[in-house]
Amino acid sequence: MASPSQQLSLVLQLCRASLRFHLSQANKHIAHLNRLLASTSHLDSLLSALYYTLTFLASFPPLPASIPISFRPLAGLISTLRTTLRLFGLLRIYTWALSVYASSSQSDRVLRFITWTQVAANVVYQGLENGAFLAHHGVLRGWSVERRRWWSKWSSRAWMCHVGLEGARLGREWMLESRRRKEMLQRTPEGLGKNAIGEESGEKASGTIRPGKEETAALVTGAGEKESKVQRHELQRSQQHRWWRQAVVNGAFFPLTVHWSTDQGLLGDRWVGLLGMVAGEVTLRQAWRETA
């Protein structure tokens, strides 16, 4: 039986090992978070999730006075930070337009029209938001409150147009993918059946047996086809996951765009926070995976 000193030494060793492990895990998470913050789009995903979570929490009765924190001012600060980061959003939209132009010959005509309309809607949205935001902070002088509100309201309406077009784009992609799968199901089994019958008939008519090298080549080809099918299946799953993720985010944002496009608003802070949390959680999860 170990002496008390030996037991104490063992406990200390276990504590040191546990401390090293947890410090190592903490370092990994901090490095991961730093990579997330290094990208403007990923940073906005984090700030969006925080903003809507704080908005949701602020919709409940205030915390006791003994707790020295208030959710609503912090949510307002994060909202200001997000809008400040979007001041350079027109550059991102310009880059997006260039990529759409470069790939326009390879896409569906309807999708191309939807995407170009989204680009135009985003130019209007970002330009109006920048003007209203800069006027609100006194950078653009001489603006009345009514003018700022008008620019802000129509900025939200342009964003609502983008979100509505995003729903149309997702619907068009769903239709094209369903059509492609239907054509594959109709074409592939028939073609495979004809090839198999033709090969079998040729072998019976000639009375020959394939050499071993050809059998080996056939096995290699079969293995390659199997691997290709697996890759196509993984790609299809990834595309489906991406489609559903975008559909959830778009569906959560659409009521918010309608809410901000009206003079008085349609939703309370609780619903705004809840819907935003759904969209923010989905985008933040994806951003976390992309920076892993």
Protein backbone atom coordinates (compact mmCIF):
# COMPACT_ATOMS: atom_id res chain seq x y z
CA MET A 1 0.00 0.00 0.00
CA ALA A 2 1.33 3.44 -1.01
CA SER A 3 2.41 5.80 1.70
CA PRO A 4 0.64 9.15 2.20
CA SER A 5 3.55 10.98 0.55
CA GLN A 6 3.32 8.73 -2.51
CA GLN A 7 -0.45 9.24 -2.71
CA LEU A 8 0.04 12.99 -2.49
CA SER A 9 2.67 12.86 -5.24
CA LEU A 10 0.29 10.88 -7.47
CA VAL A 11 -2.51 13.36 -6.87
CA LEU A 12 -0.21 16.27 -7.74
CA GLN A 13 0.89 14.53 -10.95
CA LEU A 14 -2.72 13.99 -11.95
CA CYS A 15 -3.54 17.63 -11.21
CA ARG A 16 -0.59 18.84 -13.30
CA ALA A 17 -1.57 16.57 -16.19
CA SER A 18 -5.19 17.74 -15.99
CA LEU A 19 -4.08 21.38 -15.87
CA ARG A 20 -1.82 20.94 -18.93
CA PHE A 21 -4.67 19.26 -20.84
CA HIS A 22 -7.20 21.97 -20.06
CA LEU A 23 -4.70 24.74 -20.84
CA SER A 24 -3.96 23.06 -24.16
CA GLN A 25 -7.68 22.86 -24.97
CA ALA A 26 -8.17 26.48 -23.94
CA ASN A 27 -5.28 27.54 -26.20
CA LYS A 28 -6.87 25.71 -29.13
CA HIS A 29 -10.22 27.41 -28.58
CA ILE A 30 -8.60 30.84 -28.20
CA ALA A 31 -6.60 30.32 -31.41
CA HIS A 32 -9.79 29.19 -33.14
CA LEU A 33 -11.66 32.27 -31.91
CA ASN A 34 -8.80 34.49 -33.11
CA ARG A 35 -9.09 32.99 -36.61
CA LEU A 36 -12.83 33.67 -36.48
CA LEU A 37 -12.29 37.31 -35.52
CA ALA A 38 -9.67 37.80 -38.25
CA SER A 39 -12.33 37.62 -41.00
CA THR A 40 -14.85 40.45 -41.30
CA SER A 41 -17.66 38.16 -42.46
CA HIS A 42 -17.03 35.65 -39.67
CA LEU A 43 -16.73 38.47 -37.14
CA ASP A 44 -20.13 39.75 -38.26
CA SER A 45 -21.58 36.26 -37.74
CA LEU A 46 -20.37 36.33 -34.13
CA LEU A 47 -21.60 39.89 -33.55
CA SER A 48 -24.96 39.07 -35.12
CA ALA A 49 -25.47 36.11 -32.82
CA LEU A 50 -24.49 38.24 -29.80
CA TYR A 51 -26.72 41.15 -30.83
CA TYR A 52 -29.88 39.10 -31.28
CA THR A 53 -29.22 37.08 -28.12
CA LEU A 54 -28.87 40.29 -26.12
CA THR A 55 -32.00 41.72 -27.76
CA PHE A 56 -33.91 38.60 -26.75
CA LEU A 57 -32.65 38.78 -23.17
CA ALA A 58 -33.44 42.50 -22.96
CA SER A 59 -37.09 41.77 -23.79
CA PHE A 60 -37.54 40.20 -20.35
CA PRO A 61 -37.91 42.13 -17.09
CA PRO A 62 -34.68 43.90 -16.09
CA LEU A 63 -32.13 42.23 -13.89
CA PRO A 64 -31.90 43.16 -10.21
CA ALA A 65 -30.00 46.33 -9.44
CA SER A 66 -27.32 44.25 -7.73
CA ILE A 67 -26.22 42.90 -11.14
CA PRO A 68 -24.15 45.67 -12.77
CA ILE A 69 -24.97 44.93 -16.44
CA SER A 70 -27.66 45.98 -18.89
CA PHE A 71 -28.30 44.01 -22.08
CA ARG A 72 -29.97 46.71 -24.20
CA PRO A 73 -27.08 49.25 -24.24
CA LEU A 74 -24.63 46.44 -25.05
CA ALA A 75 -26.88 45.28 -27.90
CA GLY A 76 -26.98 48.86 -29.20
CA LEU A 77 -23.19 49.09 -29.07
CA ILE A 78 -22.83 45.86 -31.04
CA SER A 79 -25.38 47.07 -33.59
CA THR A 80 -23.35 50.27 -34.10
CA LEU A 81 -20.18 48.23 -34.52
CA ARG A 82 -21.82 45.98 -37.13
CA THR A 83 -23.08 48.96 -39.10
CA THR A 84 -19.65 50.60 -38.93
CA LEU A 85 -18.02 47.47 -40.34
CA ARG A 86 -20.56 47.48 -43.18
CA LEU A 87 -19.50 50.98 -44.31
CA PHE A 88 -17.10 49.27 -46.71
CA GLY A 89 -19.76 46.81 -47.86
CA LEU A 90 -19.98 48.37 -51.33
CA LEU A 91 -16.48 47.06 -52.05
CA ARG A 92 -17.62 43.55 -51.18
CA ILE A 93 -20.70 43.96 -53.38
CA TYR A 94 -18.48 45.15 -56.26
CA THR A 95 -16.30 42.05 -55.89
CA TRP A 96 -19.45 39.91 -55.80
CA ALA A 97 -20.67 41.55 -59.03
CA LEU A 98 -17.34 40.78 -60.73
CA SER A 99 -17.59 37.11 -59.74
CA VAL A 100 -21.17 36.94 -61.02
CA TYR A 101 -20.09 38.50 -64.33
CA ALA A 102 -17.17 36.06 -64.67
CA SER A 103 -19.43 33.02 -64.17
CA SER A 104 -22.57 34.35 -65.91
CA SER A 105 -22.11 32.19 -69.01
CA GLN A 106 -22.13 28.98 -66.93
CA SER A 107 -25.26 29.55 -64.86
CA ASP A 108 -28.98 29.17 -65.42
CA ARG A 109 -30.64 32.19 -67.06
CA VAL A 110 -33.22 32.58 -64.28
CA LEU A 111 -30.57 32.27 -61.58
CA ARG A 112 -28.44 34.82 -63.39
CA PHE A 113 -31.32 37.31 -63.49
CA ILE A 114 -32.08 36.75 -59.79
CA THR A 115 -28.44 37.19 -58.80
CA TRP A 116 -27.99 40.40 -60.78
CA THR A 117 -31.17 41.79 -59.23
CA GLN A 118 -29.78 40.88 -55.80
CA VAL A 119 -26.58 42.76 -56.60
CA ALA A 120 -28.62 45.87 -57.52
CA ALA A 121 -30.76 45.55 -54.38
CA ASN A 122 -27.65 45.28 -52.22
CA VAL A 123 -26.11 48.38 -53.81
CA VAL A 124 -29.25 50.33 -52.92
CA TYR A 125 -29.40 48.81 -49.44
CA GLN A 126 -25.77 49.50 -48.60
CA GLY A 127 -25.73 53.00 -50.06
CA LEU A 128 -28.86 54.08 -48.20
CA GLU A 129 -27.70 52.52 -44.94
CA ASN A 130 -24.32 54.23 -45.18
CA GLY A 131 -25.95 57.61 -45.80
CA ALA A 132 -28.42 57.28 -42.92
CA PHE A 133 -25.74 56.01 -40.54
CA LEU A 134 -23.23 58.76 -41.35
CA ALA A 135 -25.94 61.42 -41.08
CA HIS A 136 -27.05 60.01 -37.74
CA HIS A 137 -23.51 60.44 -36.38
CA GLY A 138 -23.12 63.95 -37.80
CA VAL A 139 -20.67 63.07 -40.57
CA LEU A 140 -23.20 64.18 -43.20
CA ARG A 141 -24.64 67.42 -41.93
CA GLY A 142 -27.92 69.12 -42.65
CA TRP A 143 -30.04 65.97 -42.65
CA SER A 144 -33.43 66.12 -40.95
CA VAL A 145 -34.68 63.27 -38.77
CA GLU A 146 -37.37 62.51 -41.36
CA ARG A 147 -34.80 62.21 -44.11
CA ARG A 148 -32.63 59.85 -42.08
CA ARG A 149 -35.63 57.70 -41.26
CA TRP A 150 -36.67 57.62 -44.90
CA TRP A 151 -33.23 56.44 -46.01
CA SER A 152 -33.10 53.87 -43.23
CA LYS A 153 -36.58 52.55 -44.06
CA TRP A 154 -35.86 52.17 -47.77
CA SER A 155 -32.53 50.58 -46.96
CA SER A 156 -34.43 47.92 -45.03
CA ARG A 157 -36.83 47.52 -47.94
CA ALA A 158 -33.94 46.96 -50.31
CA TRP A 159 -32.64 44.31 -47.92
CA MET A 160 -36.14 42.79 -47.85
CA CYS A 161 -35.98 42.64 -51.65
CA HIS A 162 -32.65 40.81 -51.43
CA VAL A 163 -34.03 38.29 -48.92
CA GLY A 164 -37.11 37.70 -51.07
CA LEU A 165 -34.91 37.15 -54.12
CA GLU A 166 -32.78 34.77 -52.07
CA GLY A 167 -35.90 32.70 -51.46
CA ALA A 168 -36.57 32.70 -55.22
CA ARG A 169 -32.98 31.64 -55.88
CA LEU A 170 -33.23 28.76 -53.43
CA GLY A 171 -36.51 27.69 -55.00
CA ARG A 172 -34.98 27.75 -58.47
CA GLU A 173 -31.98 25.71 -57.30
CA TRP A 174 -34.35 23.16 -55.73
CA MET A 175 -36.27 22.87 -59.00
CA LEU A 176 -33.13 22.45 -61.11
CA GLU A 177 -31.71 19.85 -58.74
CA SER A 178 -35.00 17.90 -58.71
CA ARG A 179 -35.05 17.97 -62.51
CA ARG A 180 -31.44 16.78 -62.71
CA ARG A 181 -32.09 13.87 -60.34
CA LYS A 182 -35.18 12.85 -62.27
CA GLU A 183 -33.24 12.80 -65.53
CA MET A 184 -30.47 10.74 -63.95
CA LEU A 185 -32.96 8.19 -62.61
CA GLN A 186 -34.59 7.90 -66.02
CA ARG A 187 -31.38 7.70 -68.01
CA THR A 188 -28.82 5.80 -65.94
CA PRO A 189 -30.57 2.43 -65.35
CA GLU A 190 -31.61 2.17 -69.02
CA GLY A 191 -28.15 2.95 -70.28
CA LEU A 192 -26.52 0.53 -67.88
CA GLY A 193 -28.97 -2.19 -68.86
CA LYS A 194 -28.25 -1.80 -72.57
CA ASN A 195 -24.51 -1.84 -72.03
CA ALA A 196 -24.70 -4.96 -69.88
CA ILE A 197 -26.88 -6.81 -72.41
CA GLY A 198 -24.63 -5.82 -75.31
CA GLU A 199 -21.46 -6.97 -73.58
CA GLU A 200 -22.99 -10.27 -72.50
CA SER A 201 -24.32 -11.00 -76.00
CA GLY A 202 -20.96 -10.24 -77.58
CA GLU A 203 -19.15 -12.60 -75.23
CA LYS A 204 -21.61 -15.43 -75.86
CA ALA A 205 -21.46 -14.96 -79.63
CA SER A 206 -17.67 -14.96 -79.82
CA GLY A 207 -17.23 -17.69 -77.27
CA THR A 208 -14.16 -15.98 -75.89
CA ILE A 209 -13.03 -15.44 -72.34
CA ARG A 210 -11.50 -12.19 -71.25
CA PRO A 211 -7.83 -12.29 -70.37
CA GLY A 212 -6.75 -11.73 -66.83
CA LYS A 213 -5.41 -8.24 -67.53
CA GLU A 214 -8.79 -7.10 -68.79
CA GLU A 215 -10.46 -8.56 -65.72
CA THR A 216 -8.03 -6.66 -63.55
CA ALA A 217 -8.69 -3.47 -65.49
CA ALA A 218 -12.42 -4.02 -65.10
CA LEU A 219 -12.00 -4.43 -61.35
CA VAL A 220 -9.93 -1.27 -61.15
CA THR A 221 -12.53 0.57 -63.20
CA GLY A 222 -15.28 -0.73 -60.95
CA ALA A 223 -13.41 0.39 -57.86
CA GLY A 224 -12.90 3.82 -59.42
CA GLU A 225 -16.56 4.11 -60.24
CA LYS A 226 -17.48 3.12 -56.69
CA GLU A 227 -15.14 5.76 -55.29
CA SER A 228 -16.60 8.31 -57.69
CA LYS A 229 -20.11 7.46 -56.53
CA VAL A 230 -19.06 7.94 -52.92
CA GLN A 231 -17.55 11.32 -53.76
CA ARG A 232 -20.69 12.36 -55.63
CA HIS A 233 -22.81 11.26 -52.68
CA GLU A 234 -20.69 13.32 -50.27
CA LEU A 235 -20.86 16.33 -52.59
CA GLN A 236 -24.62 15.96 -52.85
CA ARG A 237 -24.97 15.78 -49.06
CA SER A 238 -22.81 18.90 -48.70
CA GLN A 239 -24.94 20.79 -51.23
CA GLN A 240 -28.14 19.72 -49.50
CA HIS A 241 -26.79 20.82 -46.13
CA ARG A 242 -25.77 24.17 -47.61
CA TRP A 243 -29.22 24.64 -49.20
CA TRP A 244 -31.10 23.90 -45.98
CA ARG A 245 -28.77 26.13 -43.97
CA GLN A 246 -29.36 29.04 -46.33
CA ALA A 247 -33.11 28.36 -46.36
CA VAL A 248 -33.31 28.46 -42.54
CA VAL A 249 -31.31 31.69 -42.34
CA ASN A 250 -33.37 33.29 -45.10
CA GLY A 251 -36.65 32.18 -43.55
CA ALA A 252 -35.65 33.65 -40.18
CA PHE A 253 -34.52 36.95 -41.65
CA PHE A 254 -37.52 37.61 -43.89
CA PRO A 255 -39.96 38.57 -41.07
CA LEU A 256 -37.26 40.86 -39.67
CA THR A 257 -36.85 42.66 -43.00
CA VAL A 258 -40.63 43.20 -43.16
CA HIS A 259 -40.56 44.44 -39.56
CA TRP A 260 -37.85 47.03 -40.24
CA SER A 261 -39.42 48.10 -43.53
CA THR A 262 -42.49 49.55 -41.80
CA ASP A 263 -42.76 52.82 -39.90
CA GLN A 264 -43.93 51.33 -36.61
CA GLY A 265 -42.58 47.80 -36.89
CA LEU A 266 -44.55 44.57 -36.66
CA LEU A 267 -42.62 42.54 -34.10
CA GLY A 268 -41.64 43.01 -30.47
CA ASP A 269 -38.07 42.75 -29.27
CA ARG A 270 -38.63 39.18 -28.11
CA TRP A 271 -39.60 37.98 -31.58
CA VAL A 272 -36.84 40.03 -33.18
CA GLY A 273 -34.29 38.47 -30.84
CA LEU A 274 -35.66 34.95 -31.27
CA LEU A 275 -35.72 35.02 -35.08
CA GLY A 276 -32.31 36.65 -35.18
CA MET A 277 -30.91 34.05 -32.81
CA VAL A 278 -32.00 31.28 -35.19
CA ALA A 279 -30.24 32.90 -38.14
CA GLY A 280 -27.24 33.92 -36.04
CA GLU A 281 -26.74 30.48 -34.54
CA VAL A 282 -26.77 28.80 -37.97
CA THR A 283 -24.31 31.27 -39.52
CA LEU A 284 -22.04 31.21 -36.47
CA ARG A 285 -21.87 27.41 -36.53
CA GLN A 286 -20.85 27.51 -40.19
CA ALA A 287 -18.26 30.22 -39.54
CA TRP A 288 -16.84 28.14 -36.68
CA ARG A 289 -16.54 25.10 -38.96
CA GLU A 290 -14.89 27.12 -41.73
CA THR A 291 -12.21 28.44 -39.37
CA ALA A 292 -11.51 25.10 -37.67
